[in-house]
C-alpha atoms as a PDB file:
ATOM      1  CA  MET A   1     108.114  82.160 108.404  1.00  0.00           C
ATOM      2  CA  ASN A   2     105.940  80.783 110.982  1.00  0.00           C
ATOM      3  CA  ARG A   3     102.249  80.299 111.224  1.00  0.00           C
ATOM      4  CA  THR A   4     102.331  83.136 113.996  1.00  0.00           C
ATOM      5  CA  THR A   5     103.758  85.717 111.681  1.00  0.00           C
ATOM      6  CA  GLU A   6     101.438  84.812 108.723  1.00  0.00           C
ATOM      7  CA  ALA A   7      98.413  84.913 110.825  1.00  0.00           C
ATOM      8  CA  LYS A   8      99.550  88.498 111.946  1.00  0.00           C
ATOM      9  CA  ALA A   9     100.369  89.552 108.518  1.00  0.00           C
ATOM     10  CA  ARG A  10      96.773  88.495 107.276  1.00  0.00           C
ATOM     11  CA  ASP A  11      95.205  90.339 110.256  1.00  0.00           C
ATOM     12  CA  GLU A  12      97.144  93.434 109.691  1.00  0.00           C
ATOM     13  CA  GLU A  13      96.111  93.606 105.866  1.00  0.00           C
ATOM     14  CA  GLU A  14      92.400  93.024 106.736  1.00  0.00           C
ATOM     15  CA  ASP A  15      92.988  95.920 109.346  1.00  0.00           C
ATOM     16  CA  ALA A  16      94.388  98.164 106.575  1.00  0.00           C
ATOM     17  CA  TYR A  17      91.802  97.001 104.354  1.00  0.00           C
ATOM     18  CA  ALA A  18      89.203  98.190 106.905  1.00  0.00           C
ATOM     19  CA  HIS A  19      90.792 101.494 107.010  1.00  0.00           C
ATOM     20  CA  ARG A  20      91.299 101.695 102.831  1.00  0.00           C
ATOM     21  CA  ARG A  21      92.064 104.668 101.423  1.00  0.00           C
ATOM     22  CA  THR A  22      89.559 107.338 100.549  1.00  0.00           C
ATOM     23  CA  ASP A  23      89.893 110.541  98.942  1.00  0.00           C
ATOM     24  CA  LYS A  24      89.269 112.276 102.327  1.00  0.00           C
ATOM     25  CA  ILE A  25      92.435 113.200 104.418  1.00  0.00           C
ATOM     26  CA  LYS A  26      92.296 111.490 107.644  1.00  0.00           C
ATOM     27  CA  ILE A  27      92.735 113.295 110.878  1.00  0.00           C
ATOM     28  CA  HIS A  28      94.562 111.273 113.693  1.00  0.00           C
ATOM     29  CA  GLY A  29      94.194 111.545 117.475  1.00  0.00           C
ATOM     30  CA  ALA A  30      97.056 111.369 120.104  1.00  0.00           C
ATOM     31  CA  ALA A  31      96.868 107.251 120.233  1.00  0.00           C
ATOM     32  CA  ASP A  32      97.556 107.154 116.572  1.00  0.00           C
ATOM     33  CA  PHE A  33     100.620 109.291 116.982  1.00  0.00           C
ATOM     34  CA  ASP A  34     101.709 106.744 119.417  1.00  0.00           C
ATOM     35  CA  GLY A  35     101.415 103.912 116.781  1.00  0.00           C
ATOM     36  CA  MET A  36     103.198 105.874 114.186  1.00  0.00           C
ATOM     37  CA  ARG A  37     106.033 106.542 116.511  1.00  0.00           C
ATOM     38  CA  ALA A  38     106.531 103.061 117.184  1.00  0.00           C
ATOM     39  CA  ALA A  39     106.297 101.995 113.314  1.00  0.00           C
ATOM     40  CA  GLY A  40     108.348 104.941 112.093  1.00  0.00           C
ATOM     41  CA  ARG A  41     110.939 104.071 114.638  1.00  0.00           C
ATOM     42  CA  LEU A  42     111.210 100.635 113.398  1.00  0.00           C
ATOM     43  CA  GLY A  43     111.613 101.225 109.855  1.00  0.00           C
ATOM     44  CA  ALA A  44     114.263 103.748 110.590  1.00  0.00           C
ATOM     45  CA  ALA A  45     116.071 101.307 112.954  1.00  0.00           C
ATOM     46  CA  CYS A  46     116.077  98.942 109.621  1.00  0.00           C
ATOM     47  CA  LEU A  47     117.868 101.489 107.641  1.00  0.00           C
ATOM     48  CA  ASP A  48     120.185 101.873 110.780  1.00  0.00           C
ATOM     49  CA  MET A  49     120.908  98.056 110.667  1.00  0.00           C
ATOM     50  CA  LEU A  50     121.520  98.115 106.875  1.00  0.00           C
ATOM     51  CA  THR A  51     124.143 100.915 107.124  1.00  0.00           C
ATOM     52  CA  PRO A  52     127.296  99.023 107.683  1.00  0.00           C
ATOM     53  CA  GLU A  53     126.108  96.639 105.118  1.00  0.00           C
ATOM     54  CA  VAL A  54     125.935  98.851 102.186  1.00  0.00           C
ATOM     55  CA  LYS A  55     129.518  98.681 100.781  1.00  0.00           C
ATOM     56  CA  PRO A  56     131.048  97.451  97.576  1.00  0.00           C
ATOM     57  CA  GLY A  57     130.504  93.784  96.705  1.00  0.00           C
ATOM     58  CA  VAL A  58     126.942  93.452  98.428  1.00  0.00           C
ATOM     59  CA  SER A  59     124.042  92.422  96.427  1.00  0.00           C
ATOM     60  CA  THR A  60     120.620  93.951  96.639  1.00  0.00           C
ATOM     61  CA  ARG A  61     119.211  90.802  97.330  1.00  0.00           C
ATOM     62  CA  ARG A  62     121.398  90.529 100.418  1.00  0.00           C
ATOM     63  CA  LEU A  63     119.975  93.673 101.778  1.00  0.00           C
ATOM     64  CA  ASP A  64     116.514  92.505 101.102  1.00  0.00           C
ATOM     65  CA  ASP A  65     117.301  89.378 103.050  1.00  0.00           C
ATOM     66  CA  LEU A  66     118.833  91.121 105.944  1.00  0.00           C
ATOM     67  CA  ALA A  67     115.830  93.849 106.117  1.00  0.00           C
ATOM     68  CA  ARG A  68     113.055  91.070 105.848  1.00  0.00           C
ATOM     69  CA  GLU A  69     114.804  88.968 108.694  1.00  0.00           C
ATOM     70  CA  PHE A  70     115.040  92.193 110.945  1.00  0.00           C
ATOM     71  CA  ILE A  71     111.341  93.220 110.498  1.00  0.00           C
ATOM     72  CA  LEU A  72     110.074  89.845 111.157  1.00  0.00           C
ATOM     73  CA  ASP A  73     112.426  89.393 114.109  1.00  0.00           C
ATOM     74  CA  HIS A  74     110.521  92.527 115.537  1.00  0.00           C
ATOM     75  CA  GLY A  75     107.175  91.168 114.972  1.00  0.00           C
ATOM     76  CA  ALA A  76     106.665  93.417 112.065  1.00  0.00           C
ATOM     77  CA  TRP A  77     105.775  92.896 108.366  1.00  0.00           C
ATOM     78  CA  PRO A  78     107.487  94.291 105.076  1.00  0.00           C
ATOM     79  CA  ALA A  79     104.589  95.926 103.552  1.00  0.00           C
ATOM     80  CA  PRO A  80     106.274  96.008 100.081  1.00  0.00           C
ATOM     81  CA  TYR A  81     106.073  92.487  99.980  1.00  0.00           C
ATOM     82  CA  ASN A  82     103.652  90.917  97.416  1.00  0.00           C
ATOM     83  CA  TYR A  83     101.938  94.450  97.502  1.00  0.00           C
ATOM     84  CA  ARG A  84     100.306  94.633  94.098  1.00  0.00           C
ATOM     85  CA  GLY A  85     102.812  91.992  93.099  1.00  0.00           C
ATOM     86  CA  PHE A  86     106.106  93.502  94.130  1.00  0.00           C
ATOM     87  CA  PRO A  87     108.620  90.639  94.862  1.00  0.00           C
ATOM     88  CA  GLY A  88     110.925  92.136  97.319  1.00  0.00           C
ATOM     89  CA  SER A  89     110.687  93.233 101.168  1.00  0.00           C
ATOM     90  CA  ILE A  90     112.405  96.601 100.268  1.00  0.00           C
ATOM     91  CA  CYS A  91     113.078  98.949  97.311  1.00  0.00           C
ATOM     92  CA  THR A  92     116.663  98.954  96.250  1.00  0.00           C
ATOM     93  CA  SER A  93     117.062 101.936  93.567  1.00  0.00           C
ATOM     94  CA  LEU A  94     120.951 102.330  92.202  1.00  0.00           C
ATOM     95  CA  ASN A  95     122.350 105.170  90.533  1.00  0.00           C
ATOM     96  CA  HIS A  96     119.815 106.273  87.453  1.00  0.00           C
ATOM     97  CA  VAL A  97     116.884 104.322  89.169  1.00  0.00           C
ATOM     98  CA  ILE A  98     114.562 106.820  90.658  1.00  0.00           C
ATOM     99  CA  CYS A  99     112.350 104.551  92.742  1.00  0.00           C
ATOM    100  CA  HIS A 100     110.847 100.873  93.403  1.00  0.00           C
ATOM    101  CA  GLY A 101     114.123  99.363  92.133  1.00  0.00           C
ATOM    102  CA  ILE A 102     113.650  95.312  92.765  1.00  0.00           C
ATOM    103  CA  PRO A 103     116.253  93.585  94.824  1.00  0.00           C
ATOM    104  CA  GLY A 104     118.065  90.993  92.994  1.00  0.00           C
ATOM    105  CA  ASP A 105     121.673  89.992  91.794  1.00  0.00           C
ATOM    106  CA  LYS A 106     122.867  93.554  91.242  1.00  0.00           C
ATOM    107  CA  ILE A 107     125.952  94.136  92.822  1.00  0.00           C
ATOM    108  CA  CYS A 108     126.845  97.664  94.536  1.00  0.00           C
ATOM    109  CA  LYS A 109     130.061  98.912  93.175  1.00  0.00           C
ATOM    110  CA  ASP A 110     132.481 101.326  94.458  1.00  0.00           C
ATOM    111  CA  GLY A 111     131.042 105.055  93.390  1.00  0.00           C
ATOM    112  CA  ASP A 112     127.475 103.996  93.350  1.00  0.00           C
ATOM    113  CA  ILE A 113     124.724 105.700  95.122  1.00  0.00           C
ATOM    114  CA  LEU A 114     121.919 103.305  96.382  1.00  0.00           C
ATOM    115  CA  ASN A 115     118.480 104.302  97.938  1.00  0.00           C
ATOM    116  CA  ILE A 116     116.826 102.090  99.913  1.00  0.00           C
ATOM    117  CA  ASP A 117     113.163 102.427 100.701  1.00  0.00           C
ATOM    118  CA  VAL A 118     111.644 100.351 104.008  1.00  0.00           C
ATOM    119  CA  THR A 119     108.199 100.279 105.173  1.00  0.00           C
ATOM    120  CA  VAL A 120     107.017  98.095 108.140  1.00  0.00           C
ATOM    121  CA  ILE A 121     103.691  97.444 109.185  1.00  0.00           C
ATOM    122  CA  LEU A 122     103.616  97.258 113.088  1.00  0.00           C
ATOM    123  CA  ASP A 123     100.463  96.832 114.899  1.00  0.00           C
ATOM    124  CA  GLY A 124      98.759  97.862 111.960  1.00  0.00           C
ATOM    125  CA  TRP A 125     100.568 101.064 111.611  1.00  0.00           C
ATOM    126  CA  HIS A 126     102.990 101.949 108.614  1.00  0.00           C
ATOM    127  CA  GLY A 127     106.554 103.196 109.182  1.00  0.00           C
ATOM    128  CA  ASP A 128     107.837 104.132 105.767  1.00  0.00           C
ATOM    129  CA  THR A 129     111.176 105.820 105.209  1.00  0.00           C
ATOM    130  CA  ASN A 130     114.123 105.640 102.788  1.00  0.00           C
ATOM    131  CA  ARG A 131     117.739 107.004 102.544  1.00  0.00           C
ATOM    132  CA  THR A 132     120.342 107.186  99.885  1.00  0.00           C
ATOM    133  CA  TYR A 133     123.602 105.602 100.703  1.00  0.00           C
ATOM    134  CA  LEU A 134     127.214 106.372  99.429  1.00  0.00           C
ATOM    135  CA  VAL A 135     129.066 103.323  98.161  1.00  0.00           C
ATOM    136  CA  GLY A 136     132.288 103.537  98.860  1.00  0.00           C
ATOM    137  CA  ASN A 137     134.253 106.384  97.148  1.00  0.00           C
ATOM    138  CA  VAL A 138     131.658 108.385  95.429  1.00  0.00           C
ATOM    139  CA  PRO A 139     132.442 111.229  93.030  1.00  0.00           C
ATOM    140  CA  LEU A 140     131.659 115.023  94.095  1.00  0.00           C
ATOM    141  CA  LYS A 141     129.135 115.677  91.546  1.00  0.00           C
ATOM    142  CA  ALA A 142     126.856 112.493  93.258  1.00  0.00           C
ATOM    143  CA  ARG A 143     127.750 113.350  96.646  1.00  0.00           C
ATOM    144  CA  ARG A 144     126.617 116.955  95.965  1.00  0.00           C
ATOM    145  CA  LEU A 145     123.022 115.365  94.566  1.00  0.00           C
ATOM    146  CA  VAL A 146     122.701 113.279  97.677  1.00  0.00           C
ATOM    147  CA  ASP A 147     123.362 116.528 100.130  1.00  0.00           C
ATOM    148  CA  VAL A 148     120.905 118.498  98.047  1.00  0.00           C
ATOM    149  CA  THR A 149     118.075 115.787  97.958  1.00  0.00           C
ATOM    150  CA  TYR A 150     118.064 115.654 101.539  1.00  0.00           C
ATOM    151  CA  GLU A 151     118.380 119.342 102.464  1.00  0.00           C
ATOM    152  CA  ALA A 152     115.584 119.655 100.072  1.00  0.00           C
ATOM    153  CA  MET A 153     113.482 117.021 101.932  1.00  0.00           C
ATOM    154  CA  MET A 154     114.207 118.801 105.160  1.00  0.00           C
ATOM    155  CA  ARG A 155     113.154 122.015 104.138  1.00  0.00           C
ATOM    156  CA  GLY A 156     109.877 120.382 102.895  1.00  0.00           C
ATOM    157  CA  ILE A 157     109.287 119.255 106.268  1.00  0.00           C
ATOM    158  CA  GLU A 158     109.893 122.631 107.897  1.00  0.00           C
ATOM    159  CA  ALA A 159     107.157 124.049 105.603  1.00  0.00           C
ATOM    160  CA  VAL A 160     104.769 121.858 107.390  1.00  0.00           C
ATOM    161  CA  LYS A 161     102.453 123.415 110.305  1.00  0.00           C
ATOM    162  CA  PRO A 162      98.679 123.953 110.676  1.00  0.00           C
ATOM    163  CA  GLY A 163      97.565 126.727 108.260  1.00  0.00           C
ATOM    164  CA  ALA A 164     100.300 126.256 105.524  1.00  0.00           C
ATOM    165  CA  THR A 165      99.235 124.588 102.496  1.00  0.00           C
ATOM    166  CA  PHE A 166     100.782 121.667 100.527  1.00  0.00           C
ATOM    167  CA  GLY A 167     101.956 123.878  97.802  1.00  0.00           C
ATOM    168  CA  ASP A 168     104.177 125.433 100.504  1.00  0.00           C
ATOM    169  CA  ILE A 169     105.905 121.949 100.834  1.00  0.00           C
ATOM    170  CA  GLY A 170     106.516 121.606  97.197  1.00  0.00           C
ATOM    171  CA  ALA A 171     107.675 125.178  96.702  1.00  0.00           C
ATOM    172  CA  ALA A 172     110.060 124.787  99.321  1.00  0.00           C
ATOM    173  CA  ILE A 173     111.659 121.669  97.793  1.00  0.00           C
ATOM    174  CA  GLN A 174     111.482 122.752  94.286  1.00  0.00           C
ATOM    175  CA  THR A 175     113.032 126.364  94.967  1.00  0.00           C
ATOM    176  CA  TYR A 176     115.980 124.750  96.861  1.00  0.00           C
ATOM    177  CA  ALA A 177     116.752 121.786  94.401  1.00  0.00           C
ATOM    178  CA  GLU A 178     116.410 123.718  91.195  1.00  0.00           C
ATOM    179  CA  GLY A 179     118.762 126.436  92.602  1.00  0.00           C
ATOM    180  CA  PHE A 180     121.425 123.949  92.230  1.00  0.00           C
ATOM    181  CA  GLY A 181     120.494 123.155  88.732  1.00  0.00           C
ATOM    182  CA  LEU A 182     118.886 119.886  89.496  1.00  0.00           C
ATOM    183  CA  SER A 183     115.355 118.753  88.595  1.00  0.00           C
ATOM    184  CA  VAL A 184     112.580 117.459  90.557  1.00  0.00           C
ATOM    185  CA  VAL A 185     110.771 114.265  89.379  1.00  0.00           C
ATOM    186  CA  ARG A 186     106.857 114.973  88.993  1.00  0.00           C
ATOM    187  CA  ASP A 187     105.602 111.372  88.099  1.00  0.00           C
ATOM    188  CA  PHE A 188     105.926 110.244  91.737  1.00  0.00           C
ATOM    189  CA  CYS A 189     104.764 112.111  95.131  1.00  0.00           C
ATOM    190  CA  GLY A 190     104.472 111.687  98.633  1.00  0.00           C
ATOM    191  CA  HIS A 191     101.269 110.442 100.250  1.00  0.00           C
ATOM    192  CA  GLY A 192      99.201 109.925 103.291  1.00  0.00           C
ATOM    193  CA  LEU A 193      99.736 106.892 105.397  1.00  0.00           C
ATOM    194  CA  GLY A 194      98.910 105.471 108.641  1.00  0.00           C
ATOM    195  CA  ARG A 195      96.894 102.311 108.820  1.00  0.00           C
ATOM    196  CA  VAL A 196      96.890 102.533 105.067  1.00  0.00           C
ATOM    197  CA  PHE A 197     100.113 102.187 103.101  1.00  0.00           C
ATOM    198  CA  HIS A 198      99.207 104.983 100.496  1.00  0.00           C
ATOM    199  CA  ASP A 199      96.384 107.006 101.486  1.00  0.00           C
ATOM    200  CA  ALA A 200      95.297 110.769 100.787  1.00  0.00           C
ATOM    201  CA  PRO A 201      96.802 113.147 100.430  1.00  0.00           C
ATOM    202  CA  ASN A 202      99.119 113.187  97.243  1.00  0.00           C
ATOM    203  CA  VAL A 203     102.318 115.239  98.451  1.00  0.00           C
ATOM    204  CA  LEU A 204     103.715 116.972  95.398  1.00  0.00           C
ATOM    205  CA  HIS A 205     107.444 117.734  95.675  1.00  0.00           C
ATOM    206  CA  TYR A 206     107.086 120.950  93.298  1.00  0.00           C
ATOM    207  CA  GLY A 207     104.410 123.767  93.266  1.00  0.00           C
ATOM    208  CA  LYS A 208     103.682 127.496  94.451  1.00  0.00           C
ATOM    209  CA  PRO A 209     103.659 128.713  97.924  1.00  0.00           C
ATOM    210  CA  GLY A 210     100.180 129.199  99.321  1.00  0.00           C
ATOM    211  CA  THR A 211      98.429 126.714  96.927  1.00  0.00           C
ATOM    212  CA  GLY A 212      96.439 123.798  97.269  1.00  0.00           C
ATOM    213  CA  GLN A 213      94.707 122.466 100.376  1.00  0.00           C
ATOM    214  CA  LYS A 214      95.645 123.710 103.754  1.00  0.00           C
ATOM    215  CA  ILE A 215      97.268 121.391 106.401  1.00  0.00           C
ATOM    216  CA  GLU A 216      95.570 120.326 109.545  1.00  0.00           C
ATOM    217  CA  ALA A 217      96.744 119.202 112.847  1.00  0.00           C
ATOM    218  CA  GLY A 218      96.382 115.362 112.798  1.00  0.00           C
ATOM    219  CA  MET A 219      97.451 114.516 109.357  1.00  0.00           C
ATOM    220  CA  PHE A 220     100.026 111.888 108.445  1.00  0.00           C
ATOM    221  CA  PHE A 221     101.944 111.689 105.284  1.00  0.00           C
ATOM    222  CA  THR A 222     105.420 111.212 103.411  1.00  0.00           C
ATOM    223  CA  ILE A 223     107.698 113.783 102.170  1.00  0.00           C
ATOM    224  CA  GLU A 224     110.103 111.987  99.658  1.00  0.00           C
ATOM    225  CA  PRO A 225     111.512 114.083  97.088  1.00  0.00           C
ATOM    226  CA  MET A 226     113.300 112.306  94.184  1.00  0.00           C
ATOM    227  CA  ILE A 227     115.889 114.569  92.767  1.00  0.00           C
ATOM    228  CA  ASN A 228     117.570 114.259  89.310  1.00  0.00           C
ATOM    229  CA  ILE A 229     121.111 115.810  88.039  1.00  0.00           C
ATOM    230  CA  GLY A 230     119.725 115.827  84.748  1.00  0.00           C
ATOM    231  CA  LYS A 231     115.998 115.998  83.215  1.00  0.00           C
ATOM    232  CA  PRO A 232     113.204 115.051  85.464  1.00  0.00           C
ATOM    233  CA  ASP A 233     111.803 112.510  82.567  1.00  0.00           C
ATOM    234  CA  VAL A 234     110.779 109.059  83.879  1.00  0.00           C
ATOM    235  CA  ARG A 235     110.936 105.672  81.974  1.00  0.00           C
ATOM    236  CA  MET A 236     109.399 102.569  83.463  1.00  0.00           C
ATOM    237  CA  LEU A 237     111.131  99.346  82.737  1.00  0.00           C
ATOM    238  CA  SER A 238     109.432  96.133  81.580  1.00  0.00           C
ATOM    239  CA  ASP A 239     109.124  94.713  85.019  1.00  0.00           C
ATOM    240  CA  GLY A 240     106.428  97.180  85.733  1.00  0.00           C
ATOM    241  CA  TRP A 241     108.051  98.541  88.692  1.00  0.00           C
ATOM    242  CA  THR A 242     111.373 100.106  88.269  1.00  0.00           C
ATOM    243  CA  ALA A 243     111.404 103.753  87.425  1.00  0.00           C
ATOM    244  CA  VAL A 244     114.510 105.162  85.956  1.00  0.00           C
ATOM    245  CA  THR A 245     115.825 108.541  84.533  1.00  0.00           C
ATOM    246  CA  ARG A 246     115.180 108.696  80.744  1.00  0.00           C
ATOM    247  CA  ASP A 247     118.443 110.467  80.109  1.00  0.00           C
ATOM    248  CA  ARG A 248     120.198 107.953  82.411  1.00  0.00           C
ATOM    249  CA  SER A 249     121.378 110.597  84.773  1.00  0.00           C
ATOM    250  CA  LEU A 250     121.845 110.135  88.373  1.00  0.00           C
ATOM    251  CA  SER A 251     118.928 110.416  90.681  1.00  0.00           C
ATOM    252  CA  ALA A 252     118.514 110.600  94.597  1.00  0.00           C
ATOM    253  CA  GLN A 253     115.900 110.158  97.185  1.00  0.00           C
ATOM    254  CA  PHE A 254     115.110 110.724 100.926  1.00  0.00           C
ATOM    255  CA  GLU A 255     111.718 109.961 102.796  1.00  0.00           C
ATOM    256  CA  HIS A 256     110.459 110.756 106.096  1.00  0.00           C
ATOM    257  CA  ALA A 257     107.163 110.106 107.555  1.00  0.00           C
ATOM    258  CA  VAL A 258     105.503 113.055 109.418  1.00  0.00           C
ATOM    259  CA  GLY A 259     102.794 113.957 111.570  1.00  0.00           C
ATOM    260  CA  VAL A 260     101.185 117.410 111.833  1.00  0.00           C
ATOM    261  CA  THR A 261     101.040 118.842 115.382  1.00  0.00           C
ATOM    262  CA  GLU A 262      99.140 121.736 116.798  1.00  0.00           C
ATOM    263  CA  THR A 263     102.345 123.823 116.626  1.00  0.00           C
ATOM    264  CA  GLY A 264     104.179 122.073 113.708  1.00  0.00           C
ATOM    265  CA  VAL A 265     105.511 118.621 112.761  1.00  0.00           C
ATOM    266  CA  GLU A 266     106.698 115.638 114.127  1.00  0.00           C
ATOM    267  CA  ILE A 267     109.151 113.179 112.238  1.00  0.00           C
ATOM    268  CA  PHE A 268     108.417 109.719 112.903  1.00  0.00           C
ATOM    269  CA  THR A 269     111.143 107.909 111.031  1.00  0.00           C
ATOM    270  CA  LEU A 270     114.130 109.721 112.673  1.00  0.00           C
ATOM    271  CA  SER A 271     117.198 107.363 113.101  1.00  0.00           C
ATOM    272  CA  PRO A 272     117.564 105.783 116.230  1.00  0.00           C
ATOM    273  CA  ALA A 273     121.594 105.705 115.782  1.00  0.00           C
ATOM    274  CA  GLY A 274     121.517 109.418 114.816  1.00  0.00           C
ATOM    275  CA  TYR A 275     122.197 108.987 111.307  1.00  0.00           C
ATOM    276  CA  THR A 276     120.926 111.975 109.119  1.00  0.00           C
ATOM    277  CA  LYS A 277     122.581 112.397 105.663  1.00  0.00           C
ATOM    278  CA  PRO A 278     125.529 110.282 104.316  1.00  0.00           C
ATOM    279  CA  PRO A 279     128.440 109.619 104.914  1.00  0.00           C
ATOM    280  CA  TYR A 280     126.911 107.754 107.901  1.00  0.00           C
ATOM    281  CA  ALA A 281     129.187 107.411 110.784  1.00  0.00           C
ATOM    282  CA  VAL A 282     129.114 103.767 111.825  1.00  0.00           C
END
C-alpha cells in the first residue's frame, strides 16, 4: 500500500467522522445520489470480479486478497479493514455462518454456499453489498434457500417508496421467507449509509405492514436479509465477529444499497456484469 492510498484512506475516515452517525435519518440531495451510484457500482463490480474465483479449492483468504487489490486499484478503500478491529477487507461467510465471517485458511468445498460482503469507500461514499455464491454442485435444499433469500430481498426493495414504512419492508421479507418454512434472523439488520458506514435507520427484515417510521425521498439504506433453513437463533464465536446459526443450519444472505427517489427506489449496487442471483453465468 503506497503513501497516497494511506493518505486518501485517512482523509476518507476523517470525512466519515465529520458526518458521523446520529439518531436522525439523513436526507440526501442529487449530488449525493451521484456519489452513491459510483461507490455502489464499484462494490458490485468487485463482487463480479470475484465470481469466477468462487470454486472448490479456493481459500477465503485468497478471495480477500483479490478483493483488496481490486478495490485499491480502483482508487477506493475496503471499509471493513480494521473497522473496529476487523482483520479482513471483506466478510466471507460459509454455510452455517450467518455474517461477518473472517477470511482465512478455510477452503471452499464442493456443495458449499458462501456469502461475500464487500463495502468500498470511494470519494467518501460507501458502496455496501453482498451476494451468496454456490460452490460447485450444491444440493437442492441449499439452492432453494439461496433463491428464496434473494427473492425476499427483492420483495423488501419493492416495498420501498415515499410514504411507505420500514415495517412494510420487513413484512414483505418475513412473509415471503416464512412461506417456505424458513426463518428470518432478527439479531442483525440493514442500516443507513452514505458518508457513514453504519447510520440511522436500522432496517429490520421482519415486521408488520404500516408500522415504523415513514420512508422519505433522499434516504439511503441497505436491505440485507439473513435467512436460515432452521431456527433464527444466533451464536457468536470467540473471535467476537463471526455469527453462526445456533442449530448449525445453513444460512444465506443478499444485500443491496438503495436510495429513495420521489417515485420509488434506486438500487445503487446492481451488478455491472448483469449478475443477479446464482448460478451466475460467467
